[in-house]
Structures are given as structure tokens and as C-alpha cells.
Amino acid sequence: MERREYVIWAIIAFMFVSGAYLYPAMPETMATHWDADGNVNGYSSRTVGVFLIPVLTIGIYLLFKAIPHIAVYKKNIESFKEYYFYLVAGVVIFLSAVQGASLAANLGYQFNMTYIIMPLMGLFLFGIGTILEKTKRNFFIGIRTPWTLSSDAVWDKTHRLGGKVFKMIGVLALVSMIVPGSLLFFIIAVFAGIMYLVVYSYVEYQKEEKDKR
């Protein structure tokens, strides 16, 4: 195991330790979900509220660790392993920040959860955009459509464009905090961006097939 992976394990361990330490101070029924305006609209038991995210985090991390060993295109994943690590680290840091915000809210600290989650989401999506530009064809990471998976050229074109799209969506996540009514626009932009990339990959694949004839 690489030395830097110990940092990830340290973050995950801290999530469990801090959760266990704060467990007695948590209410029996914890707020675990907030709406777009930052109002609580979902609750869970104390055990679920404290430990669900850490358990989910370690599960996702172990899955990410397994992927390079079970992937069909192992060499392709190996070719962007540096960015793959950044993806894994980004997911772990994002989830740990979400857990921290949730615990703080349940301790009685007053803040709008939207102003915590949306900046995190924006930075995370912007990072995803950077990583997408570096990925190579594989079945686990990236914009996986029948057409990107059928052609390295279509994969590369779609992911270069996808990188720009996700970066723009990341910026929109930040804008949605300060522009009234823009959160709905952000949600629409996410779905529109994904659909656009799917259609783009199909069009590029058809062009490639036409050029072969």
C-alpha cells in the first residue's frame, strides 16, 4: 500500500472515532436530510445518523481499491492511476465533510446546510471534470455509454467535452448558493449535461462508423 493511502485510512478512522466520541451527545433521533432551503426533512436513529456515512465511505473505498484488480482494461486504469487516486481521495474527503456537517448540526450548531453541501458539491464536480479529461476507456470510471465503450476515439472526445461540462456544473453549484431560484436551474443543468454527453457520444460513434465505410 502506498504511503499516501495511509492518509485516506486516517480520514476514515477519524470518521469512526469522532462519531463514537460524539455518539453520547447526539439526540436519539438525528436529523440526516435537508431540503434545498436547508430545512430538515429527514431523520434517522442515532446509530444510523452517526455511523452510516463512515460505513458507506469504507465500503466505497474498498470497492475503488478492488476495481483496478477486476477491471477488463487494467492497463487503461493504470494509465491514469494518479488521477484515480485523486478521485478516491476526493470521494472520501467529500463524505467526511458531509459527516462533519451533519454531526455539527445535530450538536446544535446553527447554519444553513445548503451553504455547506453546495460548495463541497461544486468543488467535487469541478474535480470530477478534471479527472474525466484524463481517464481512458474502462467499464467503471467515466462516461460509460455503449458508444464510448466501443471506441477509444469516441471515449476520448466525449471525456474531453465531459470534463468541460462537469467543470461548468461545478461552477453552477457555487452560483446556485448566491443567486435566488438558481438551484432548480443547477439540477436541470446536471441532467441536461449528462444527456448531452450521451447524445454526443452516439453522434461521434456514428460519424466514426460512417468514416469506416
Protein backbone atom coordinates (compact mmCIF):
# COMPACT_ATOMS: atom_id res chain seq x y z
CA MET A 1 0.00 0.00 0.00
CA GLU A 2 1.33 3.43 -0.98
CA ARG A 3 2.23 5.81 1.83
CA ARG A 4 -0.35 8.39 0.77
CA GLU A 5 -3.13 5.85 1.16
CA TYR A 6 -2.50 5.91 4.89
CA VAL A 7 -3.91 9.44 4.79
CA ILE A 8 -7.18 8.09 3.41
CA TRP A 9 -7.29 5.38 6.06
CA ALA A 10 -6.57 8.03 8.70
CA ILE A 11 -9.54 10.10 7.48
CA ILE A 12 -11.84 7.07 7.56
CA ALA A 13 -10.59 6.10 11.02
CA PHE A 14 -11.19 9.65 12.24
CA MET A 15 -14.77 9.47 10.93
CA PHE A 16 -15.43 6.39 13.09
CA VAL A 17 -13.53 7.68 16.14
CA SER A 18 -15.14 11.12 16.09
CA GLY A 19 -18.55 9.54 15.58
CA ALA A 20 -18.04 7.20 18.54
CA TYR A 21 -16.74 10.07 20.70
CA LEU A 22 -19.73 12.29 19.90
CA TYR A 23 -22.27 9.47 19.97
CA PRO A 24 -23.44 10.10 23.56
CA ALA A 25 -24.02 13.79 22.74
CA MET A 26 -26.21 13.03 19.74
CA PRO A 27 -30.03 13.08 20.04
CA GLU A 28 -31.82 9.73 19.92
CA THR A 29 -33.39 10.77 16.61
CA MET A 30 -30.95 12.63 14.39
CA ALA A 31 -31.55 14.99 11.50
CA THR A 32 -29.98 13.31 8.48
CA HIS A 33 -31.52 15.01 5.45
CA TRP A 34 -32.09 18.63 4.49
CA ASP A 35 -34.08 20.21 1.66
CA ALA A 36 -32.83 22.78 -0.82
CA ASP A 37 -33.56 25.61 1.63
CA GLY A 38 -31.55 23.95 4.38
CA ASN A 39 -34.55 22.78 6.39
CA VAL A 40 -34.53 19.32 7.97
CA ASN A 41 -36.84 16.92 6.14
CA GLY A 42 -35.46 13.52 7.16
CA TYR A 43 -34.49 11.77 10.39
CA SER A 44 -32.74 8.54 11.40
CA SER A 45 -31.84 6.72 14.57
CA ARG A 46 -28.70 7.83 16.39
CA THR A 47 -26.71 4.78 15.29
CA VAL A 48 -27.61 5.25 11.63
CA GLY A 49 -27.08 9.00 11.82
CA VAL A 50 -23.61 8.66 13.29
CA PHE A 51 -22.20 5.63 11.51
CA LEU A 52 -23.96 5.29 8.14
CA ILE A 53 -21.66 7.68 6.30
CA PRO A 54 -18.41 6.18 7.72
CA VAL A 55 -19.59 2.66 6.85
CA LEU A 56 -20.61 3.82 3.37
CA THR A 57 -17.24 5.53 2.96
CA ILE A 58 -15.18 2.47 3.81
CA GLY A 59 -17.36 0.36 1.51
CA ILE A 60 -16.87 2.75 -1.40
CA TYR A 61 -13.14 2.95 -0.72
CA LEU A 62 -12.75 -0.82 -0.74
CA LEU A 63 -14.71 -1.00 -3.99
CA PHE A 64 -12.40 1.56 -5.55
CA LYS A 65 -9.43 -0.50 -4.36
CA ALA A 66 -10.85 -3.63 -5.98
CA ILE A 67 -11.68 -2.07 -9.36
CA PRO A 68 -8.11 -1.99 -10.79
CA HIS A 69 -7.78 -5.70 -9.99
CA ILE A 70 -11.05 -6.83 -11.57
CA ALA A 71 -11.30 -4.37 -14.47
CA VAL A 72 -11.20 -5.62 -18.05
CA TYR A 73 -8.98 -2.75 -19.17
CA LYS A 74 -6.44 -2.89 -16.34
CA LYS A 75 -3.74 -1.12 -18.37
CA ASN A 76 -6.08 1.74 -19.15
CA ILE A 77 -6.85 2.33 -15.48
CA GLU A 78 -3.15 2.03 -14.71
CA SER A 79 -2.50 4.80 -17.26
CA PHE A 80 -4.43 7.33 -15.18
CA LYS A 81 -3.76 5.87 -11.73
CA GLU A 82 -2.58 9.23 -10.35
CA TYR A 83 -5.93 10.82 -11.15
CA TYR A 84 -7.69 7.67 -9.99
CA PHE A 85 -6.16 8.21 -6.57
CA TYR A 86 -7.35 11.82 -6.57
CA LEU A 87 -10.86 10.58 -7.36
CA VAL A 88 -10.81 8.14 -4.46
CA ALA A 89 -9.37 10.75 -2.10
CA GLY A 90 -11.95 13.30 -3.26
CA VAL A 91 -14.84 10.96 -2.55
CA VAL A 92 -13.53 10.15 0.94
CA ILE A 93 -12.89 13.81 1.80
CA PHE A 94 -16.31 14.82 0.48
CA LEU A 95 -18.12 12.20 2.56
CA SER A 96 -16.08 13.02 5.67
CA ALA A 97 -17.01 16.69 5.30
CA VAL A 98 -20.68 15.78 4.94
CA GLN A 99 -20.47 13.68 8.11
CA GLY A 100 -18.79 16.52 9.96
CA ALA A 101 -21.50 18.96 8.93
CA SER A 102 -24.23 16.50 9.94
CA LEU A 103 -22.70 15.91 13.38
CA ALA A 104 -22.25 19.64 13.94
CA ALA A 105 -25.87 20.32 13.03
CA ASN A 106 -27.07 17.66 15.44
CA LEU A 107 -24.89 19.11 18.19
CA GLY A 108 -26.97 22.26 17.92
CA TYR A 109 -24.77 24.50 15.77
CA GLN A 110 -26.95 26.78 13.67
CA PHE A 111 -26.11 27.06 9.96
CA ASN A 112 -27.75 26.52 6.60
CA MET A 113 -26.71 23.06 5.41
CA THR A 114 -27.11 24.14 1.79
CA TYR A 115 -24.20 26.57 2.23
CA ILE A 116 -22.03 23.66 3.31
CA ILE A 117 -23.10 20.99 0.82
CA MET A 118 -23.24 23.10 -2.35
CA PRO A 119 -19.64 24.42 -2.14
CA LEU A 120 -18.46 20.88 -1.44
CA MET A 121 -20.52 19.62 -4.36
CA GLY A 122 -19.18 22.35 -6.63
CA LEU A 123 -15.56 21.59 -5.81
CA PHE A 124 -16.18 17.86 -6.13
CA LEU A 125 -17.83 18.19 -9.55
CA PHE A 126 -15.08 20.51 -10.77
CA GLY A 127 -12.54 17.91 -9.66
CA ILE A 128 -14.51 15.19 -11.45
CA GLY A 129 -14.33 17.30 -14.60
CA THR A 130 -10.53 17.45 -14.33
CA ILE A 131 -10.30 13.70 -13.79
CA LEU A 132 -12.65 12.86 -16.68
CA GLU A 133 -10.26 14.52 -19.11
CA LYS A 134 -7.54 12.06 -18.07
CA THR A 135 -9.48 8.79 -18.00
CA LYS A 136 -9.07 6.02 -20.55
CA ARG A 137 -11.65 3.51 -21.68
CA ASN A 138 -12.87 1.25 -18.88
CA PHE A 139 -16.13 -0.17 -17.52
CA PHE A 140 -16.10 1.53 -14.11
CA ILE A 141 -14.90 5.14 -14.20
CA GLY A 142 -16.17 7.76 -16.61
CA ILE A 143 -19.00 8.38 -19.07
CA ARG A 144 -19.80 4.79 -19.94
CA THR A 145 -22.18 4.54 -22.86
CA PRO A 146 -22.30 1.73 -25.45
CA TRP A 147 -20.55 4.10 -27.86
CA THR A 148 -17.72 5.32 -25.63
CA LEU A 149 -17.02 1.74 -24.59
CA SER A 150 -16.84 0.69 -28.25
CA SER A 151 -14.19 3.18 -29.35
CA ASP A 152 -11.13 4.79 -27.81
CA ALA A 153 -11.58 7.82 -30.06
CA VAL A 154 -15.21 8.34 -29.05
CA TRP A 155 -14.25 7.82 -25.40
CA ASP A 156 -11.52 10.45 -25.58
CA LYS A 157 -13.67 13.02 -27.39
CA THR A 158 -16.61 12.52 -25.05
CA HIS A 159 -14.44 12.78 -21.93
CA ARG A 160 -12.64 15.90 -23.11
CA LEU A 161 -16.05 17.51 -23.57
CA GLY A 162 -17.36 15.87 -20.38
CA GLY A 163 -14.54 17.43 -18.40
CA LYS A 164 -15.61 20.89 -19.51
CA VAL A 165 -19.29 20.13 -18.83
CA PHE A 166 -18.66 18.90 -15.29
CA LYS A 167 -16.44 21.88 -14.52
CA MET A 168 -19.24 24.20 -15.65
CA ILE A 169 -21.73 22.29 -13.49
CA GLY A 170 -19.35 22.62 -10.55
CA VAL A 171 -19.28 26.38 -11.02
CA LEU A 172 -23.08 26.43 -11.27
CA ALA A 173 -23.25 24.65 -7.90
CA LEU A 174 -21.42 27.59 -6.36
CA VAL A 175 -23.55 30.14 -8.20
CA SER A 176 -26.73 28.42 -7.01
CA MET A 177 -25.92 29.49 -3.43
CA ILE A 178 -25.95 33.19 -4.15
CA VAL A 179 -28.48 33.57 -6.97
CA PRO A 180 -32.09 33.12 -5.78
CA GLY A 181 -34.00 30.39 -7.59
CA SER A 182 -30.93 29.03 -9.37
CA LEU A 183 -30.84 25.70 -7.53
CA LEU A 184 -33.55 24.33 -9.81
CA PHE A 185 -31.52 25.55 -12.78
CA PHE A 186 -28.49 23.72 -11.38
CA ILE A 187 -30.46 20.45 -11.12
CA ILE A 188 -31.76 20.87 -14.66
CA ALA A 189 -28.21 21.64 -15.86
CA VAL A 190 -26.92 18.40 -14.32
CA PHE A 191 -29.47 16.27 -16.17
CA ALA A 192 -29.13 18.27 -19.38
CA GLY A 193 -25.34 17.98 -19.28
CA ILE A 194 -25.44 14.22 -18.79
CA MET A 195 -27.99 13.74 -21.57
CA TYR A 196 -25.96 15.95 -23.89
CA LEU A 197 -22.85 13.83 -23.33
CA VAL A 198 -24.79 10.62 -24.00
CA VAL A 199 -26.14 12.01 -27.28
CA TYR A 200 -22.72 13.41 -28.18
CA SER A 201 -21.09 10.00 -27.75
CA TYR A 202 -23.72 8.43 -30.01
CA VAL A 203 -23.24 11.08 -32.72
CA GLU A 204 -19.44 10.73 -32.62
CA TYR A 205 -19.72 6.96 -32.84
CA GLN A 206 -21.99 7.22 -35.89
CA LYS A 207 -19.51 9.58 -37.52
CA GLU A 208 -16.69 7.12 -36.88
CA GLU A 209 -18.70 4.21 -38.30
CA LYS A 210 -19.58 6.27 -41.38
CA ASP A 211 -15.92 7.09 -41.98
CA LYS A 212 -15.07 3.38 -41.93
CA ARG A 213 -17.44 2.59 -44.80
